[in-house]
Amino acid sequence: MVSDGTGETATAAVRAALVQFRPSWHLHTYGDLRQPQQARDLINEAARVGALVVFTLVDQEALHALQAAAVAKQVETVDLLSPLVLRLAQHLGSEPLHRVGFLHGYTDEYFARVNAVEFAVRHDDGANTHDLADADIVLVGVSRTSKTPLSMYLAQRGFKTANVPIVPGTVFPSELLALRPEIVFGLMISPDTLMTIRETRERTLGTDAQAYSGYSDFSEIQKELDGARRLFQKHGWRVVHISGRAVEETASRILHLLDLPYERPKA
């Protein structure tokens, strides 16, 4: 993904398309590409790793440099923005302004998103629970239930999101139990899926990746999930199943349950 702005809009579009395919792909976003040499360097890298380049470039020099380099290096590209801009120009009978980064200017909405992301980072994995009441959404779940990716995705949409882990033998912070239950969501996953995820993590990072004894044992995982289920029911937290769902789908489900728009509306 290549953009002369943040790349957020195009990345969201590509992710929505990639949901249709098995997770054997890697997506990298390169923002603030404004110079022709940057475009040529990026195409060289894409050629080296055999990547498809999807771009939204407004700056004409950078755009032409990228396209020329792609032809020379036989790199496949997809232009997400130009065909739409052309059709809009024809329909509206007006020339486009070609303003680089105009979509993501420094508006109140932009700063709200920045604040939400900063909040999510500060409140990842049970940190800084003293101001948990400021959260729009709180996620609770056992280890490896996509709490952090989901928190960051919701934050990118403008919602202040915190996540708190369920760790065997530990108790929840009092600040979490004092929250309105409707903003707290328990993340649930099938034991088979969770075991596979944890085994993969152990193979990748070694046994040091284990959070506790029995981390990837199937019977222990079942007990963990049963305990989580009881906790969710006890505290009146709604359950969201993540098995087989992309982060975007789970986020959409949570916002639907909260009767919130997909993105935080402008102030």
Protein backbone atom coordinates (compact mmCIF):
# COMPACT_ATOMS: atom_id res chain seq x y z
CA MET A 1 0.00 0.00 0.00
CA VAL A 2 1.46 3.33 -1.11
CA SER A 3 0.01 6.76 -0.41
CA ASP A 4 1.08 10.38 -0.38
CA GLY A 5 -1.10 10.83 2.73
CA THR A 6 -1.58 8.51 5.69
CA GLY A 7 -2.58 5.52 3.56
CA GLU A 8 -5.42 4.78 5.99
CA THR A 9 -8.27 4.96 3.48
CA ALA A 10 -6.64 2.75 0.88
CA THR A 11 -5.38 0.28 3.47
CA ALA A 12 -8.92 -0.15 4.78
CA ALA A 13 -10.16 -0.84 1.26
CA VAL A 14 -7.43 -3.41 0.59
CA ARG A 15 -8.00 -5.12 3.93
CA ALA A 16 -11.70 -5.41 3.12
CA ALA A 17 -10.76 -7.21 -0.11
CA LEU A 18 -8.12 -9.41 1.53
CA VAL A 19 -10.71 -10.74 3.99
CA GLN A 20 -11.87 -12.91 1.06
CA PHE A 21 -8.55 -14.79 1.03
CA ARG A 22 -6.76 -17.09 3.42
CA PRO A 23 -4.30 -15.26 5.69
CA SER A 24 -1.20 -16.14 3.69
CA TRP A 25 -0.49 -12.52 2.78
CA HIS A 26 1.40 -9.62 4.36
CA LEU A 27 0.27 -6.02 4.02
CA HIS A 28 2.69 -3.12 4.40
CA THR A 29 1.63 0.53 4.21
CA TYR A 30 3.98 3.32 3.08
CA GLY A 31 2.65 6.82 3.68
CA ASP A 32 3.88 10.31 2.84
CA LEU A 33 5.37 9.27 -0.49
CA ARG A 34 5.87 12.62 -2.23
CA GLN A 35 9.14 12.33 -4.20
CA PRO A 36 9.79 10.49 -7.50
CA GLN A 37 12.90 8.82 -6.07
CA GLN A 38 10.85 7.47 -3.18
CA ALA A 39 8.50 5.89 -5.71
CA ARG A 40 11.37 4.31 -7.64
CA ASP A 41 12.95 2.94 -4.47
CA LEU A 42 9.66 1.44 -3.38
CA ILE A 43 9.13 -0.26 -6.75
CA ASN A 44 12.63 -1.74 -6.51
CA GLU A 45 11.73 -3.22 -3.14
CA ALA A 46 8.41 -4.55 -4.48
CA ALA A 47 10.25 -6.22 -7.36
CA ARG A 48 12.68 -7.81 -4.93
CA VAL A 49 9.97 -9.43 -2.79
CA GLY A 50 7.41 -10.02 -5.56
CA ALA A 51 4.73 -7.71 -4.15
CA LEU A 52 1.61 -6.21 -5.69
CA VAL A 53 1.65 -2.42 -5.27
CA VAL A 54 -1.69 -0.75 -4.56
CA PHE A 55 -1.49 3.03 -4.52
CA THR A 56 -3.40 6.26 -4.00
CA LEU A 57 -1.15 9.03 -5.25
CA VAL A 58 -2.25 12.56 -6.07
CA ASP A 59 1.17 14.12 -6.72
CA GLN A 60 1.63 13.73 -10.47
CA GLU A 61 5.44 13.50 -10.48
CA ALA A 62 5.47 10.74 -7.87
CA LEU A 63 2.62 8.97 -9.67
CA HIS A 64 4.36 9.00 -13.05
CA ALA A 65 7.67 7.90 -11.50
CA LEU A 66 5.98 4.98 -9.78
CA GLN A 67 4.16 3.87 -12.93
CA ALA A 68 7.28 4.12 -15.10
CA ALA A 69 9.40 2.21 -12.60
CA ALA A 70 6.69 -0.45 -12.27
CA VAL A 71 6.67 -1.02 -16.03
CA ALA A 72 10.47 -1.19 -16.13
CA LYS A 73 10.63 -3.66 -13.24
CA GLN A 74 7.50 -5.62 -14.30
CA VAL A 75 5.80 -4.94 -10.96
CA GLU A 76 2.01 -5.25 -10.94
CA THR A 77 0.15 -2.19 -9.65
CA VAL A 78 -3.40 -1.15 -8.84
CA ASP A 79 -4.40 2.52 -8.93
CA LEU A 80 -7.28 2.91 -6.47
CA LEU A 81 -7.79 6.66 -6.78
CA SER A 82 -7.23 7.90 -10.35
CA PRO A 83 -10.13 6.03 -12.06
CA LEU A 84 -12.56 7.35 -9.44
CA VAL A 85 -11.21 10.92 -9.68
CA LEU A 86 -11.50 10.77 -13.49
CA ARG A 87 -15.11 9.59 -13.39
CA LEU A 88 -15.97 12.27 -10.82
CA ALA A 89 -14.32 14.93 -12.98
CA GLN A 90 -16.38 13.79 -15.99
CA HIS A 91 -19.61 13.66 -14.01
CA LEU A 92 -19.09 16.99 -12.24
CA GLY A 93 -17.58 18.75 -15.25
CA SER A 94 -14.75 20.04 -13.10
CA GLU A 95 -10.99 19.65 -12.88
CA PRO A 96 -9.64 17.94 -9.71
CA LEU A 97 -7.53 20.03 -7.34
CA HIS A 98 -4.79 17.37 -6.90
CA ARG A 99 -4.28 18.37 -3.28
CA VAL A 100 -1.87 15.94 -1.65
CA GLY A 101 -3.01 14.68 1.75
CA PHE A 102 -6.13 16.86 1.64
CA LEU A 103 -8.39 14.02 2.79
CA HIS A 104 -6.53 13.67 6.08
CA GLY A 105 -5.93 17.29 7.03
CA TYR A 106 -5.43 18.33 10.62
CA THR A 107 -9.10 18.53 11.55
CA ASP A 108 -10.80 17.97 14.92
CA GLU A 109 -11.61 14.48 13.68
CA TYR A 110 -7.94 13.81 12.99
CA PHE A 111 -6.89 14.84 16.49
CA ALA A 112 -9.74 12.78 18.01
CA ARG A 113 -8.32 9.73 16.26
CA VAL A 114 -4.81 10.52 17.46
CA ASN A 115 -6.10 10.80 21.04
CA ALA A 116 -7.97 7.51 20.68
CA VAL A 117 -4.86 5.71 19.43
CA GLU A 118 -2.76 7.16 22.26
CA PHE A 119 -5.42 6.01 24.73
CA ALA A 120 -5.38 2.48 23.28
CA VAL A 121 -1.58 2.31 23.53
CA ARG A 122 -1.61 3.49 27.17
CA HIS A 123 -4.36 1.02 28.09
CA ASP A 124 -3.07 -2.06 26.31
CA ASP A 125 -2.99 -5.39 28.16
CA GLY A 126 -4.44 -4.07 31.42
CA ALA A 127 -2.16 -1.05 31.81
CA ASN A 128 -3.19 2.24 33.47
CA THR A 129 -6.57 1.08 34.78
CA HIS A 130 -6.86 4.15 37.01
CA ASP A 131 -8.65 6.09 34.22
CA LEU A 132 -10.43 3.17 32.58
CA ALA A 133 -13.70 5.07 33.01
CA ASP A 134 -12.65 7.36 30.14
CA ALA A 135 -12.85 4.47 27.65
CA ASP A 136 -15.57 4.20 25.03
CA ILE A 137 -15.02 0.44 24.75
CA VAL A 138 -13.23 -2.11 26.94
CA LEU A 139 -12.25 -5.57 25.67
CA VAL A 140 -11.70 -8.52 27.99
CA GLY A 141 -10.34 -11.92 27.01
CA VAL A 142 -7.83 -14.67 27.59
CA SER A 143 -4.39 -14.54 26.01
CA ARG A 144 -4.26 -14.46 22.16
CA THR A 145 -7.85 -13.39 21.50
CA SER A 146 -6.85 -10.40 19.34
CA LYS A 147 -7.40 -7.86 22.10
CA THR A 148 -4.57 -5.55 21.04
CA PRO A 149 -5.21 -5.58 17.24
CA LEU A 150 -8.90 -5.01 17.85
CA SER A 151 -8.20 -2.16 20.29
CA MET A 152 -5.94 -0.44 17.78
CA TYR A 153 -8.41 -0.91 14.94
CA LEU A 154 -11.27 0.60 16.96
CA ALA A 155 -8.96 3.44 18.02
CA GLN A 156 -8.20 4.17 14.35
CA ARG A 157 -11.95 4.60 13.92
CA GLY A 158 -11.88 7.21 16.71
CA PHE A 159 -13.08 5.17 19.71
CA LYS A 160 -11.00 5.15 22.90
CA THR A 161 -10.49 1.44 23.53
CA ALA A 162 -8.79 -0.39 26.39
CA ASN A 163 -8.18 -4.09 26.82
CA VAL A 164 -7.75 -6.20 29.95
CA PRO A 165 -6.41 -9.76 29.92
CA ILE A 166 -7.81 -12.73 31.82
CA VAL A 167 -4.84 -14.48 33.40
CA PRO A 168 -5.39 -17.59 35.54
CA GLY A 169 -4.80 -16.87 39.20
CA THR A 170 -5.20 -13.10 38.94
CA VAL A 171 -8.13 -10.83 39.77
CA PHE A 172 -9.68 -8.03 37.73
CA PRO A 173 -8.89 -4.43 38.66
CA SER A 174 -11.68 -2.75 40.60
CA GLU A 175 -11.89 -0.01 37.96
CA LEU A 176 -13.01 -2.58 35.39
CA LEU A 177 -15.73 -4.00 37.62
CA ALA A 178 -17.07 -0.48 38.26
CA LEU A 179 -17.69 0.23 34.56
CA ARG A 180 -21.08 0.22 32.89
CA PRO A 181 -21.37 -3.39 31.63
CA GLU A 182 -22.68 -2.31 28.22
CA ILE A 183 -19.28 -0.90 27.18
CA VAL A 184 -17.36 -4.06 28.18
CA PHE A 185 -17.08 -6.94 25.72
CA GLY A 186 -15.84 -10.45 26.42
CA LEU A 187 -13.91 -11.96 23.50
CA MET A 188 -14.53 -15.67 22.97
CA ILE A 189 -12.76 -18.09 20.64
CA SER A 190 -13.01 -21.82 19.93
CA PRO A 191 -10.52 -23.93 21.93
CA ASP A 192 -9.18 -25.57 18.74
CA THR A 193 -8.41 -22.20 17.16
CA LEU A 194 -6.84 -20.82 20.33
CA MET A 195 -4.64 -23.88 20.76
CA THR A 196 -3.39 -23.51 17.17
CA ILE A 197 -2.62 -19.82 17.68
CA ARG A 198 -0.73 -20.46 20.92
CA GLU A 199 1.22 -23.39 19.49
CA THR A 200 2.26 -21.21 16.56
CA ARG A 201 3.36 -18.47 18.94
CA GLU A 202 5.45 -20.96 20.91
CA ARG A 203 7.10 -22.30 17.75
CA THR A 204 7.90 -18.77 16.63
CA LEU A 205 9.08 -17.28 19.92
CA GLY A 206 10.01 -20.39 21.90
CA THR A 207 8.66 -21.62 25.22
CA ASP A 208 9.48 -18.24 26.76
CA ALA A 209 6.34 -17.02 24.97
CA GLN A 210 4.23 -19.00 27.43
CA ALA A 211 2.31 -16.70 29.73
CA TYR A 212 1.73 -19.48 32.27
CA SER A 213 1.79 -23.26 32.71
CA GLY A 214 -0.61 -25.10 30.42
CA TYR A 215 -0.61 -22.17 27.97
CA SER A 216 -1.12 -24.36 24.88
CA ASP A 217 -2.58 -27.48 26.50
CA PHE A 218 -6.04 -28.22 25.05
CA SER A 219 -7.69 -29.28 28.31
CA GLU A 220 -6.28 -26.24 30.12
CA ILE A 221 -7.48 -23.97 27.31
CA GLN A 222 -10.98 -25.40 27.63
CA LYS A 223 -10.94 -24.68 31.38
CA GLU A 224 -9.67 -21.15 30.67
CA LEU A 225 -12.44 -20.42 28.21
CA ASP A 226 -15.11 -21.93 30.47
CA GLY A 227 -13.88 -19.70 33.27
CA ALA A 228 -13.94 -16.66 30.99
CA ARG A 229 -17.49 -17.48 29.96
CA ARG A 230 -18.60 -17.60 33.60
CA LEU A 231 -16.91 -14.26 34.30
CA PHE A 232 -18.61 -12.60 31.35
CA GLN A 233 -22.00 -13.90 32.49
CA LYS A 234 -21.40 -12.93 36.11
CA HIS A 235 -20.59 -9.31 35.26
CA GLY A 236 -23.16 -8.91 32.47
CA TRP A 237 -20.58 -8.38 29.72
CA ARG A 238 -21.69 -9.15 26.19
CA VAL A 239 -19.78 -11.88 24.41
CA VAL A 240 -18.32 -11.47 20.92
CA HIS A 241 -16.98 -14.54 19.13
CA ILE A 242 -13.83 -13.93 17.09
CA SER A 243 -13.21 -17.39 15.58
CA GLY A 244 -12.97 -17.18 11.80
CA ARG A 245 -13.55 -13.41 11.82
CA ALA A 246 -11.22 -10.66 10.66
CA VAL A 247 -10.53 -7.79 13.04
CA GLU A 248 -12.72 -5.54 10.88
CA GLU A 249 -15.68 -7.90 11.22
CA THR A 250 -15.34 -8.13 14.99
CA ALA A 251 -15.06 -4.34 15.29
CA SER A 252 -18.17 -3.90 13.16
CA ARG A 253 -20.05 -6.34 15.40
CA ILE A 254 -19.06 -4.48 18.57
CA LEU A 255 -20.05 -1.10 17.16
CA HIS A 256 -23.36 -2.55 16.01
CA LEU A 257 -24.07 -3.88 19.52
CA LEU A 258 -23.27 -0.43 20.93
CA ASP A 259 -25.44 1.20 18.26
CA LEU A 260 -22.47 3.34 17.25
CA PRO A 261 -21.47 4.43 13.75
CA TYR A 262 -18.56 2.67 12.09
CA GLU A 263 -16.48 5.75 12.73
CA ARG A 264 -16.64 8.35 15.49
CA PRO A 265 -18.78 11.20 14.09
CA LYS A 266 -17.28 14.65 13.79
CA ALA A 267 -17.76 16.93 16.77
